[in-house]
């Protein structure tokens, strides 16, 4: 628990195995069990107030492959950041989706956003479906490229996305697409408790004994996503 919660950039199962003195497969199982606890712990907690939302991908272009949305090797997910009235980040929500469709965003909103949310997006059409959860929606078209990423209106969701990608790509050689939800859940869990690192370990321990067991055969299966 210490290694997963106190490592800012995360820790690979190879490195975890070395530190614990166990085989990589054992370290993988331990890590994924704890990631599962993190995912289930935050699954039903909803963001409130002002929320910045954006689309993103894990993975990258393969040699000779298609670029942009729909490119092979990329896993799509939604990032949403709750902010204060002063524009400070409060909590983060990460949700893997099958694609950026209205149906997928509707599921995300109904599960992860309180009806009181005032959602700000970059104008991607599917984000209008956050209104299915009773949320207000403001679309601000930013264009594309580095300039759009520096738009101050989306400062914290863009900052979070940059940190997520740096942490994951810098720590892991590769992540199976079917297990992406757990890796996102680990980052989300640490981010949402970043101001109280000391209590993170006992809180995770308590959550672990409250979460139903997850045997290895189930850990290997694909996660359900929007």
C-alpha atoms as a PDB file:
ATOM      1  CA  UNK A   1       0.000   0.000   0.000  1.00  0.00           C
ATOM      2  CA  UNK A   2       2.853   2.366   0.811  1.00  0.00           C
ATOM      3  CA  UNK A   3       4.471   1.928  -2.599  1.00  0.00           C
ATOM      4  CA  UNK A   4       1.198   2.503  -4.492  1.00  0.00           C
ATOM      5  CA  UNK A   5      -0.011   5.483  -2.488  1.00  0.00           C
ATOM      6  CA  UNK A   6       3.223   7.363  -1.818  1.00  0.00           C
ATOM      7  CA  UNK A   7       4.852   7.085  -5.266  1.00  0.00           C
ATOM      8  CA  UNK A   8       3.894  10.245  -7.136  1.00  0.00           C
ATOM      9  CA  UNK A   9       4.490   8.765 -10.594  1.00  0.00           C
ATOM     10  CA  UNK A  10       3.219   5.290  -9.728  1.00  0.00           C
ATOM     11  CA  UNK A  11       5.269   2.107  -9.645  1.00  0.00           C
ATOM     12  CA  UNK A  12       5.607  -0.697 -12.183  1.00  0.00           C
ATOM     13  CA  UNK A  13       4.970  -4.296 -11.165  1.00  0.00           C
ATOM     14  CA  UNK A  14       8.584  -5.144 -12.007  1.00  0.00           C
ATOM     15  CA  UNK A  15       9.879  -2.507  -9.578  1.00  0.00           C
ATOM     16  CA  UNK A  16       7.236  -3.439  -7.005  1.00  0.00           C
ATOM     17  CA  UNK A  17       8.338  -7.062  -7.197  1.00  0.00           C
ATOM     18  CA  UNK A  18      11.960  -6.048  -6.603  1.00  0.00           C
ATOM     19  CA  UNK A  19      11.075  -3.969  -3.555  1.00  0.00           C
ATOM     20  CA  UNK A  20       8.875  -6.669  -2.042  1.00  0.00           C
ATOM     21  CA  UNK A  21      11.175  -9.550  -2.995  1.00  0.00           C
ATOM     22  CA  UNK A  22       8.459 -11.429  -4.915  1.00  0.00           C
ATOM     23  CA  UNK A  23       7.920 -12.533  -8.501  1.00  0.00           C
ATOM     24  CA  UNK A  24       6.564 -10.036 -11.026  1.00  0.00           C
ATOM     25  CA  UNK A  25       3.334 -12.035 -11.398  1.00  0.00           C
ATOM     26  CA  UNK A  26       2.754 -11.854  -7.639  1.00  0.00           C
ATOM     27  CA  UNK A  27       3.457  -8.118  -7.639  1.00  0.00           C
ATOM     28  CA  UNK A  28       1.028  -7.708 -10.583  1.00  0.00           C
ATOM     29  CA  UNK A  29      -1.727  -9.462  -8.661  1.00  0.00           C
ATOM     30  CA  UNK A  30      -1.137  -7.408  -5.506  1.00  0.00           C
ATOM     31  CA  UNK A  31      -1.074  -4.144  -7.449  1.00  0.00           C
ATOM     32  CA  UNK A  32      -4.239  -4.905  -9.387  1.00  0.00           C
ATOM     33  CA  UNK A  33      -6.097  -6.003  -6.270  1.00  0.00           C
ATOM     34  CA  UNK A  34      -5.329  -2.652  -4.653  1.00  0.00           C
ATOM     35  CA  UNK A  35      -6.156  -0.770  -7.855  1.00  0.00           C
ATOM     36  CA  UNK A  36      -9.505  -2.576  -7.890  1.00  0.00           C
ATOM     37  CA  UNK A  37     -10.165  -1.364  -4.342  1.00  0.00           C
ATOM     38  CA  UNK A  38      -9.306   2.196  -5.387  1.00  0.00           C
ATOM     39  CA  UNK A  39     -11.618   1.956  -8.388  1.00  0.00           C
ATOM     40  CA  UNK A  40     -14.567   0.605  -6.416  1.00  0.00           C
ATOM     41  CA  UNK A  41     -14.011   3.079  -3.590  1.00  0.00           C
ATOM     42  CA  UNK A  42     -14.409   6.121  -5.847  1.00  0.00           C
ATOM     43  CA  UNK A  43     -16.787   4.619  -8.421  1.00  0.00           C
ATOM     44  CA  UNK A  44     -19.964   6.171  -7.022  1.00  0.00           C
ATOM     45  CA  UNK A  45     -18.572   9.501  -5.818  1.00  0.00           C
ATOM     46  CA  UNK A  46     -19.846  12.341  -7.972  1.00  0.00           C
ATOM     47  CA  UNK A  47     -18.269  15.657  -8.856  1.00  0.00           C
ATOM     48  CA  UNK A  48     -20.166  18.832  -7.988  1.00  0.00           C
ATOM     49  CA  UNK A  49     -20.037  22.539  -8.873  1.00  0.00           C
ATOM     50  CA  UNK A  50     -17.952  23.763 -11.802  1.00  0.00           C
ATOM     51  CA  UNK A  51     -16.414  20.934 -13.830  1.00  0.00           C
ATOM     52  CA  UNK A  52     -13.896  21.067 -16.681  1.00  0.00           C
ATOM     53  CA  UNK A  53     -14.182  18.076 -19.016  1.00  0.00           C
ATOM     54  CA  UNK A  54     -12.045  16.857 -21.912  1.00  0.00           C
ATOM     55  CA  UNK A  55     -11.391  13.841 -24.121  1.00  0.00           C
ATOM     56  CA  UNK A  56      -8.039  12.069 -24.090  1.00  0.00           C
ATOM     57  CA  UNK A  57      -6.199   8.912 -25.076  1.00  0.00           C
ATOM     58  CA  UNK A  58      -3.598   6.612 -23.623  1.00  0.00           C
ATOM     59  CA  UNK A  59      -1.223   5.096 -26.121  1.00  0.00           C
ATOM     60  CA  UNK A  60       0.089   6.525 -29.340  1.00  0.00           C
ATOM     61  CA  UNK A  61       0.424   6.251 -33.069  1.00  0.00           C
ATOM     62  CA  UNK A  62       1.795   2.992 -34.392  1.00  0.00           C
ATOM     63  CA  UNK A  63       4.227   2.971 -37.269  1.00  0.00           C
ATOM     64  CA  UNK A  64       2.333   3.381 -40.514  1.00  0.00           C
ATOM     65  CA  UNK A  65      -1.001   3.531 -38.737  1.00  0.00           C
ATOM     66  CA  UNK A  66      -3.868   5.979 -38.725  1.00  0.00           C
ATOM     67  CA  UNK A  67      -3.409   9.197 -36.756  1.00  0.00           C
ATOM     68  CA  UNK A  68      -5.918  11.013 -34.572  1.00  0.00           C
ATOM     69  CA  UNK A  69      -9.190   9.696 -33.168  1.00  0.00           C
ATOM     70  CA  UNK A  70      -9.753   6.023 -33.816  1.00  0.00           C
ATOM     71  CA  UNK A  71      -6.056   5.233 -34.331  1.00  0.00           C
ATOM     72  CA  UNK A  72      -5.069   1.692 -33.307  1.00  0.00           C
ATOM     73  CA  UNK A  73      -3.227   1.357 -30.016  1.00  0.00           C
ATOM     74  CA  UNK A  74      -5.074   4.261 -28.378  1.00  0.00           C
ATOM     75  CA  UNK A  75      -7.487   3.870 -25.469  1.00  0.00           C
ATOM     76  CA  UNK A  76     -10.036   6.703 -25.154  1.00  0.00           C
ATOM     77  CA  UNK A  77     -11.041   8.099 -21.773  1.00  0.00           C
ATOM     78  CA  UNK A  78     -12.784  11.114 -20.285  1.00  0.00           C
ATOM     79  CA  UNK A  79     -11.153  13.407 -17.728  1.00  0.00           C
ATOM     80  CA  UNK A  80     -13.225  15.745 -15.569  1.00  0.00           C
ATOM     81  CA  UNK A  81     -11.946  18.107 -12.860  1.00  0.00           C
ATOM     82  CA  UNK A  82     -14.106  19.753 -10.213  1.00  0.00           C
ATOM     83  CA  UNK A  83     -12.858  23.242  -9.320  1.00  0.00           C
ATOM     84  CA  UNK A  84     -13.665  25.845  -6.693  1.00  0.00           C
ATOM     85  CA  UNK A  85     -15.246  29.199  -7.518  1.00  0.00           C
ATOM     86  CA  UNK A  86     -11.695  30.595  -7.468  1.00  0.00           C
ATOM     87  CA  UNK A  87     -10.612  28.068 -10.085  1.00  0.00           C
ATOM     88  CA  UNK A  88      -8.614  25.716  -7.825  1.00  0.00           C
ATOM     89  CA  UNK A  89      -8.790  21.951  -8.507  1.00  0.00           C
ATOM     90  CA  UNK A  90     -10.711  19.871  -5.979  1.00  0.00           C
ATOM     91  CA  UNK A  91     -11.373  16.394  -7.317  1.00  0.00           C
ATOM     92  CA  UNK A  92     -10.748  14.384 -10.464  1.00  0.00           C
ATOM     93  CA  UNK A  93     -12.820  11.802 -12.315  1.00  0.00           C
ATOM     94  CA  UNK A  94     -11.379   9.513 -15.009  1.00  0.00           C
ATOM     95  CA  UNK A  95     -13.561   7.192 -17.073  1.00  0.00           C
ATOM     96  CA  UNK A  96     -12.578   4.890 -19.898  1.00  0.00           C
ATOM     97  CA  UNK A  97     -15.027   4.911 -22.808  1.00  0.00           C
ATOM     98  CA  UNK A  98     -15.460   2.755 -25.893  1.00  0.00           C
ATOM     99  CA  UNK A  99     -15.547   5.944 -27.963  1.00  0.00           C
ATOM    100  CA  UNK A 100     -16.548   9.583 -27.769  1.00  0.00           C
ATOM    101  CA  UNK A 101     -20.237   9.099 -28.418  1.00  0.00           C
ATOM    102  CA  UNK A 102     -23.271  10.726 -26.866  1.00  0.00           C
ATOM    103  CA  UNK A 103     -24.266   7.447 -25.253  1.00  0.00           C
ATOM    104  CA  UNK A 104     -20.870   7.000 -23.582  1.00  0.00           C
ATOM    105  CA  UNK A 105     -20.844  10.564 -22.214  1.00  0.00           C
ATOM    106  CA  UNK A 106     -24.404  10.180 -20.985  1.00  0.00           C
ATOM    107  CA  UNK A 107     -23.366   7.104 -18.983  1.00  0.00           C
ATOM    108  CA  UNK A 108     -20.382   8.951 -17.566  1.00  0.00           C
ATOM    109  CA  UNK A 109     -22.492  11.951 -16.541  1.00  0.00           C
ATOM    110  CA  UNK A 110     -25.204   9.855 -14.903  1.00  0.00           C
ATOM    111  CA  UNK A 111     -22.596   7.951 -12.913  1.00  0.00           C
ATOM    112  CA  UNK A 112     -19.986  10.591 -12.131  1.00  0.00           C
ATOM    113  CA  UNK A 113     -21.619  14.038 -12.138  1.00  0.00           C
ATOM    114  CA  UNK A 114     -24.078  15.566  -9.702  1.00  0.00           C
ATOM    115  CA  UNK A 115     -27.057  17.331 -11.355  1.00  0.00           C
ATOM    116  CA  UNK A 116     -25.780  20.583  -9.822  1.00  0.00           C
ATOM    117  CA  UNK A 117     -22.670  20.539 -12.033  1.00  0.00           C
ATOM    118  CA  UNK A 118     -21.901  23.370 -14.432  1.00  0.00           C
ATOM    119  CA  UNK A 119     -19.824  21.576 -17.053  1.00  0.00           C
ATOM    120  CA  UNK A 120     -17.424  23.381 -19.392  1.00  0.00           C
ATOM    121  CA  UNK A 121     -16.195  21.512 -22.488  1.00  0.00           C
ATOM    122  CA  UNK A 122     -14.249  22.289 -25.655  1.00  0.00           C
ATOM    123  CA  UNK A 123     -17.294  21.889 -27.866  1.00  0.00           C
ATOM    124  CA  UNK A 124     -16.928  18.213 -28.817  1.00  0.00           C
ATOM    125  CA  UNK A 125     -20.495  17.296 -29.754  1.00  0.00           C
ATOM    126  CA  UNK A 126     -20.847  14.291 -27.468  1.00  0.00           C
ATOM    127  CA  UNK A 127     -20.250  16.400 -24.335  1.00  0.00           C
ATOM    128  CA  UNK A 128     -23.648  18.045 -24.763  1.00  0.00           C
ATOM    129  CA  UNK A 129     -25.092  14.813 -23.366  1.00  0.00           C
ATOM    130  CA  UNK A 130     -24.011  15.742 -19.837  1.00  0.00           C
ATOM    131  CA  UNK A 131     -27.421  17.414 -19.732  1.00  0.00           C
ATOM    132  CA  UNK A 132     -28.897  13.900 -19.486  1.00  0.00           C
ATOM    133  CA  UNK A 133     -27.745  13.973 -15.845  1.00  0.00           C
ATOM    134  CA  UNK A 134     -29.363  17.385 -15.276  1.00  0.00           C
ATOM    135  CA  UNK A 135     -26.070  19.291 -15.561  1.00  0.00           C
ATOM    136  CA  UNK A 136     -25.636  22.677 -17.199  1.00  0.00           C
ATOM    137  CA  UNK A 137     -23.305  22.657 -20.183  1.00  0.00           C
ATOM    138  CA  UNK A 138     -21.203  25.408 -21.724  1.00  0.00           C
ATOM    139  CA  UNK A 139     -19.281  24.608 -24.904  1.00  0.00           C
ATOM    140  CA  UNK A 140     -16.228  26.782 -25.625  1.00  0.00           C
ATOM    141  CA  UNK A 141     -14.586  26.023 -28.939  1.00  0.00           C
ATOM    142  CA  UNK A 142     -10.819  26.141 -28.606  1.00  0.00           C
ATOM    143  CA  UNK A 143      -9.635  24.674 -31.904  1.00  0.00           C
ATOM    144  CA  UNK A 144      -6.803  22.149 -31.751  1.00  0.00           C
ATOM    145  CA  UNK A 145      -3.079  21.910 -31.113  1.00  0.00           C
ATOM    146  CA  UNK A 146      -0.826  23.361 -28.380  1.00  0.00           C
ATOM    147  CA  UNK A 147      -2.641  26.703 -28.297  1.00  0.00           C
ATOM    148  CA  UNK A 148      -5.938  25.086 -27.303  1.00  0.00           C
ATOM    149  CA  UNK A 149      -4.168  23.117 -24.556  1.00  0.00           C
ATOM    150  CA  UNK A 150      -3.013  26.384 -22.981  1.00  0.00           C
ATOM    151  CA  UNK A 151      -6.508  27.876 -22.780  1.00  0.00           C
ATOM    152  CA  UNK A 152      -6.882  29.080 -19.138  1.00  0.00           C
ATOM    153  CA  UNK A 153     -10.518  27.980 -19.026  1.00  0.00           C
ATOM    154  CA  UNK A 154      -9.351  24.364 -19.200  1.00  0.00           C
ATOM    155  CA  UNK A 155      -6.180  24.852 -17.155  1.00  0.00           C
ATOM    156  CA  UNK A 156      -6.757  22.122 -14.592  1.00  0.00           C
ATOM    157  CA  UNK A 157      -8.132  19.382 -16.803  1.00  0.00           C
ATOM    158  CA  UNK A 158      -5.223  19.944 -19.212  1.00  0.00           C
ATOM    159  CA  UNK A 159      -2.753  19.937 -16.313  1.00  0.00           C
ATOM    160  CA  UNK A 160      -4.244  16.702 -14.989  1.00  0.00           C
ATOM    161  CA  UNK A 161      -4.076  15.070 -18.408  1.00  0.00           C
ATOM    162  CA  UNK A 162      -0.448  16.074 -18.840  1.00  0.00           C
ATOM    163  CA  UNK A 163       0.422  14.620 -15.435  1.00  0.00           C
ATOM    164  CA  UNK A 164      -1.493  11.409 -16.086  1.00  0.00           C
ATOM    165  CA  UNK A 165       0.217  10.751 -19.392  1.00  0.00           C
ATOM    166  CA  UNK A 166       3.664  11.600 -18.014  1.00  0.00           C
ATOM    167  CA  UNK A 167       3.151   9.351 -14.995  1.00  0.00           C
ATOM    168  CA  UNK A 168       1.784   6.376 -16.920  1.00  0.00           C
ATOM    169  CA  UNK A 169       4.037   6.481 -19.977  1.00  0.00           C
ATOM    170  CA  UNK A 170       7.072   7.244 -17.834  1.00  0.00           C
ATOM    171  CA  UNK A 171       6.463   4.375 -15.420  1.00  0.00           C
ATOM    172  CA  UNK A 172       5.056   1.529 -17.500  1.00  0.00           C
ATOM    173  CA  UNK A 173       6.368  -0.041 -20.677  1.00  0.00           C
ATOM    174  CA  UNK A 174       2.870  -0.869 -21.812  1.00  0.00           C
ATOM    175  CA  UNK A 175      -0.627  -1.157 -20.355  1.00  0.00           C
ATOM    176  CA  UNK A 176      -3.174  -3.596 -21.699  1.00  0.00           C
ATOM    177  CA  UNK A 177      -6.201  -1.647 -22.896  1.00  0.00           C
ATOM    178  CA  UNK A 178      -8.533  -3.876 -20.888  1.00  0.00           C
ATOM    179  CA  UNK A 179      -6.798  -2.879 -17.637  1.00  0.00           C
ATOM    180  CA  UNK A 180      -6.653   0.874 -18.290  1.00  0.00           C
ATOM    181  CA  UNK A 181      -9.589   1.619 -15.902  1.00  0.00           C
ATOM    182  CA  UNK A 182      -7.566   0.377 -12.925  1.00  0.00           C
ATOM    183  CA  UNK A 183      -4.514   2.476 -13.792  1.00  0.00           C
ATOM    184  CA  UNK A 184      -6.725   5.536 -14.204  1.00  0.00           C
ATOM    185  CA  UNK A 185      -8.412   4.712 -10.882  1.00  0.00           C
ATOM    186  CA  UNK A 186      -5.025   4.587  -9.132  1.00  0.00           C
ATOM    187  CA  UNK A 187      -4.105   8.066 -10.399  1.00  0.00           C
ATOM    188  CA  UNK A 188      -7.586   9.382  -9.528  1.00  0.00           C
ATOM    189  CA  UNK A 189      -7.434   7.918  -6.014  1.00  0.00           C
ATOM    190  CA  UNK A 190      -4.080   9.527  -5.220  1.00  0.00           C
ATOM    191  CA  UNK A 191      -5.056  12.880  -6.739  1.00  0.00           C
ATOM    192  CA  UNK A 192      -8.290  13.123  -4.755  1.00  0.00           C
ATOM    193  CA  UNK A 193      -6.421  12.464  -1.475  1.00  0.00           C
ATOM    194  CA  UNK A 194      -3.227  14.387  -2.243  1.00  0.00           C
ATOM    195  CA  UNK A 195      -3.574  16.775   0.699  1.00  0.00           C
ATOM    196  CA  UNK A 196      -3.576  14.014   3.325  1.00  0.00           C
ATOM    197  CA  UNK A 197      -0.919  11.486   2.324  1.00  0.00           C
ATOM    198  CA  UNK A 198      -0.466  10.227   5.897  1.00  0.00           C
ATOM    199  CA  UNK A 199      -4.036   8.944   6.144  1.00  0.00           C
ATOM    200  CA  UNK A 200      -4.052   7.389   2.675  1.00  0.00           C
ATOM    201  CA  UNK A 201      -2.581   4.061   3.802  1.00  0.00           C
ATOM    202  CA  UNK A 202      -4.978   3.358   6.721  1.00  0.00           C
ATOM    203  CA  UNK A 203      -7.922   4.554   4.622  1.00  0.00           C
ATOM    204  CA  UNK A 204      -6.943   2.223   1.787  1.00  0.00           C
ATOM    205  CA  UNK A 205      -6.491  -0.612   4.278  1.00  0.00           C
ATOM    206  CA  UNK A 206      -9.994  -0.027   5.639  1.00  0.00           C
ATOM    207  CA  UNK A 207     -11.449   0.114   2.123  1.00  0.00           C
ATOM    208  CA  UNK A 208      -9.638  -3.111   1.199  1.00  0.00           C
ATOM    209  CA  UNK A 209     -11.361  -5.152   3.906  1.00  0.00           C
ATOM    210  CA  UNK A 210     -14.733  -3.648   2.895  1.00  0.00           C
ATOM    211  CA  UNK A 211     -14.340  -4.535  -0.800  1.00  0.00           C
ATOM    212  CA  UNK A 212     -15.446  -7.973  -2.082  1.00  0.00           C
ATOM    213  CA  UNK A 213     -12.546 -10.356  -2.889  1.00  0.00           C
ATOM    214  CA  UNK A 214     -11.159 -10.243  -6.421  1.00  0.00           C
ATOM    215  CA  UNK A 215      -9.449 -13.527  -7.385  1.00  0.00           C
ATOM    216  CA  UNK A 216      -6.729 -13.662 -10.035  1.00  0.00           C
ATOM    217  CA  UNK A 217      -9.005 -15.192 -12.678  1.00  0.00           C
ATOM    218  CA  UNK A 218     -11.284 -12.138 -12.457  1.00  0.00           C
ATOM    219  CA  UNK A 219      -8.424  -9.656 -12.328  1.00  0.00           C
ATOM    220  CA  UNK A 220      -7.304 -10.854 -15.761  1.00  0.00           C
ATOM    221  CA  UNK A 221     -10.665 -10.111 -17.374  1.00  0.00           C
ATOM    222  CA  UNK A 222     -11.426  -6.885 -19.212  1.00  0.00           C
ATOM    223  CA  UNK A 223     -12.949  -4.055 -17.237  1.00  0.00           C
ATOM    224  CA  UNK A 224     -16.413  -2.771 -18.036  1.00  0.00           C
ATOM    225  CA  UNK A 225     -16.354   0.721 -19.505  1.00  0.00           C
ATOM    226  CA  UNK A 226     -18.757   3.285 -20.923  1.00  0.00           C
END
